[in-house]
């Protein structure tokens, strides 16, 4: 059971890190006006990381 808790904590940490980084990159791309497609890609990644966090929370 201890290994499962450590894995769950590691998974949440990776999901939170991915969420924050993708949101920051998305904001930077949108602000700089670099590429709409790149903004959409990072926006979708942000949504997926958020969904992963919700699924992880609901699993517990």
N, C-alpha and C. Protein backbone atom coordinates (compact mmCIF):
# COMPACT_ATOMS: atom_id res chain seq x y z
N UNK A 1 0.81 -1.20 0.00
CA UNK A 1 0.00 0.00 0.00
C UNK A 1 0.85 1.26 0.00
N UNK A 2 2.01 1.22 0.64
CA UNK A 2 2.89 2.38 0.70
C UNK A 2 3.38 2.75 -0.70
N UNK A 3 3.71 1.75 -1.50
CA UNK A 3 4.18 2.01 -2.86
C UNK A 3 3.08 2.68 -3.68
N UNK A 4 1.84 2.27 -3.47
CA UNK A 4 0.72 2.87 -4.20
C UNK A 4 0.55 4.34 -3.83
N UNK A 5 0.74 4.68 -2.57
CA UNK A 5 0.64 6.07 -2.12
C UNK A 5 1.76 6.91 -2.73
N UNK A 6 2.97 6.35 -2.77
CA UNK A 6 4.10 7.07 -3.36
C UNK A 6 3.89 7.28 -4.84
N UNK A 7 3.35 6.29 -5.52
CA UNK A 7 3.07 6.40 -6.95
C UNK A 7 2.00 7.44 -7.20
N UNK A 8 0.96 7.45 -6.36
CA UNK A 8 -0.13 8.42 -6.50
C UNK A 8 0.39 9.83 -6.28
N UNK A 9 1.25 10.03 -5.32
CA UNK A 9 1.82 11.35 -5.04
C UNK A 9 2.69 11.80 -6.21
N UNK A 10 3.48 10.89 -6.74
CA UNK A 10 4.33 11.21 -7.87
C UNK A 10 3.48 11.57 -9.10
N UNK A 11 2.41 10.84 -9.31
CA UNK A 11 1.52 11.10 -10.45
C UNK A 11 0.90 12.49 -10.32
N UNK A 12 0.40 12.81 -9.13
CA UNK A 12 -0.19 14.14 -8.92
C UNK A 12 0.83 15.24 -9.12
N UNK A 13 2.06 15.03 -8.65
CA UNK A 13 3.11 16.04 -8.82
C UNK A 13 3.40 16.27 -10.30
N UNK A 14 3.47 15.20 -11.07
CA UNK A 14 3.72 15.33 -12.51
C UNK A 14 2.54 16.01 -13.21
N UNK A 15 1.32 15.66 -12.81
CA UNK A 15 0.16 16.29 -13.42
C UNK A 15 0.10 17.79 -13.11
N UNK A 16 0.39 18.16 -11.85
CA UNK A 16 0.39 19.58 -11.48
C UNK A 16 1.49 20.33 -12.21
N UNK A 17 2.67 19.72 -12.31
CA UNK A 17 3.78 20.36 -13.02
C UNK A 17 3.42 20.56 -14.49
N UNK A 18 2.86 19.53 -15.11
CA UNK A 18 2.44 19.65 -16.51
C UNK A 18 1.37 20.71 -16.70
N UNK A 19 0.43 20.77 -15.76
CA UNK A 19 -0.65 21.76 -15.84
C UNK A 19 -0.10 23.17 -15.78
N UNK A 20 0.76 23.42 -14.81
CA UNK A 20 1.32 24.77 -14.63
C UNK A 20 2.19 25.16 -15.82
N UNK A 21 3.06 24.26 -16.26
CA UNK A 21 3.95 24.58 -17.37
C UNK A 21 3.18 24.80 -18.67
N UNK A 22 2.21 23.94 -18.94
CA UNK A 22 1.45 24.11 -20.18
C UNK A 22 0.60 25.39 -20.14
N UNK A 23 0.08 25.73 -18.97
CA UNK A 23 -0.70 26.98 -18.86
C UNK A 23 0.21 28.20 -19.04
N UNK A 24 1.41 28.15 -18.48
CA UNK A 24 2.34 29.27 -18.65
C UNK A 24 2.78 29.43 -20.09
N UNK A 25 3.10 28.32 -20.73
CA UNK A 25 3.52 28.39 -22.13
C UNK A 25 2.35 28.86 -23.00
N UNK A 26 1.16 28.37 -22.71
CA UNK A 26 -0.02 28.80 -23.45
C UNK A 26 -0.23 30.30 -23.31
N UNK A 27 -0.12 30.81 -22.11
CA UNK A 27 -0.28 32.25 -21.88
C UNK A 27 0.80 33.05 -22.62
N UNK A 28 2.03 32.55 -22.58
CA UNK A 28 3.13 33.25 -23.25
C UNK A 28 2.93 33.26 -24.77
N UNK A 29 2.51 32.13 -25.32
CA UNK A 29 2.30 32.04 -26.76
C UNK A 29 1.16 32.97 -27.19
N UNK A 30 0.09 32.98 -26.42
CA UNK A 30 -1.05 33.83 -26.76
C UNK A 30 -0.70 35.31 -26.63
N UNK A 31 0.06 35.66 -25.60
CA UNK A 31 0.44 37.05 -25.39
C UNK A 31 1.38 37.54 -26.49
N UNK A 32 2.34 36.69 -26.85
CA UNK A 32 3.31 37.07 -27.88
C UNK A 32 2.72 36.99 -29.28
N UNK A 33 1.60 36.30 -29.43
CA UNK A 33 0.98 36.17 -30.74
C UNK A 33 1.80 35.33 -31.70
N UNK A 34 2.51 34.36 -31.17
CA UNK A 34 3.42 33.54 -31.98
C UNK A 34 2.66 32.70 -32.99
N UNK A 35 1.76 31.85 -32.51
CA UNK A 35 1.04 30.96 -33.40
C UNK A 35 -0.27 30.53 -32.75
N UNK A 36 -1.33 30.63 -33.50
CA UNK A 36 -2.63 30.21 -32.99
C UNK A 36 -2.65 28.70 -32.77
N UNK A 37 -2.06 27.97 -33.70
CA UNK A 37 -2.05 26.50 -33.59
C UNK A 37 -1.28 26.07 -32.35
N UNK A 38 -0.14 26.70 -32.10
CA UNK A 38 0.65 26.38 -30.91
C UNK A 38 -0.13 26.70 -29.63
N UNK A 39 -0.85 27.80 -29.64
CA UNK A 39 -1.69 28.16 -28.50
C UNK A 39 -2.78 27.12 -28.26
N UNK A 40 -3.39 26.65 -29.34
CA UNK A 40 -4.43 25.62 -29.21
C UNK A 40 -3.84 24.33 -28.65
N UNK A 41 -2.68 23.95 -29.15
CA UNK A 41 -2.03 22.72 -28.67
C UNK A 41 -1.77 22.79 -27.17
N UNK A 42 -1.20 23.90 -26.71
CA UNK A 42 -0.91 24.01 -25.28
C UNK A 42 -2.18 24.21 -24.46
N UNK A 43 -3.21 24.79 -25.04
CA UNK A 43 -4.50 24.89 -24.36
C UNK A 43 -5.12 23.52 -24.16
N UNK A 44 -5.05 22.67 -25.18
CA UNK A 44 -5.57 21.31 -25.07
C UNK A 44 -4.76 20.51 -24.06
N UNK A 45 -3.44 20.68 -24.08
CA UNK A 45 -2.60 20.01 -23.08
C UNK A 45 -2.99 20.43 -21.67
N UNK A 46 -3.24 21.71 -21.47
CA UNK A 46 -3.66 22.20 -20.16
C UNK A 46 -4.96 21.55 -19.72
N UNK A 47 -5.91 21.45 -20.65
CA UNK A 47 -7.19 20.78 -20.34
C UNK A 47 -6.98 19.31 -20.00
N UNK A 48 -6.10 18.64 -20.73
CA UNK A 48 -5.84 17.22 -20.47
C UNK A 48 -5.19 17.00 -19.10
N UNK A 49 -4.24 17.87 -18.75
CA UNK A 49 -3.62 17.75 -17.42
C UNK A 49 -4.65 18.02 -16.33
N UNK A 50 -5.53 18.99 -16.54
CA UNK A 50 -6.59 19.26 -15.57
C UNK A 50 -7.54 18.09 -15.45
N UNK A 51 -7.90 17.48 -16.56
CA UNK A 51 -8.76 16.30 -16.53
C UNK A 51 -8.08 15.14 -15.82
N UNK A 52 -6.78 15.01 -16.04
CA UNK A 52 -6.03 13.96 -15.34
C UNK A 52 -6.04 14.17 -13.84
N UNK A 53 -5.93 15.42 -13.40
CA UNK A 53 -5.99 15.70 -11.97
C UNK A 53 -7.36 15.38 -11.39
N UNK A 54 -8.41 15.72 -12.13
CA UNK A 54 -9.77 15.41 -11.67
C UNK A 54 -9.96 13.90 -11.58
N UNK A 55 -9.50 13.17 -12.59
CA UNK A 55 -9.63 11.71 -12.57
C UNK A 55 -8.84 11.11 -11.42
N UNK A 56 -7.65 11.64 -11.16
CA UNK A 56 -6.83 11.15 -10.05
C UNK A 56 -7.52 11.41 -8.73
N UNK A 57 -8.14 12.58 -8.58
CA UNK A 57 -8.85 12.93 -7.34
C UNK A 57 -10.06 12.01 -7.15
N UNK A 58 -10.82 11.78 -8.22
CA UNK A 58 -12.01 10.95 -8.12
C UNK A 58 -11.66 9.49 -7.82
N UNK A 59 -10.48 9.07 -8.28
CA UNK A 59 -10.03 7.69 -8.04
C UNK A 59 -9.74 7.45 -6.56
N UNK A 60 -9.27 8.49 -5.87
CA UNK A 60 -8.93 8.34 -4.46
C UNK A 60 -10.22 8.28 -3.70
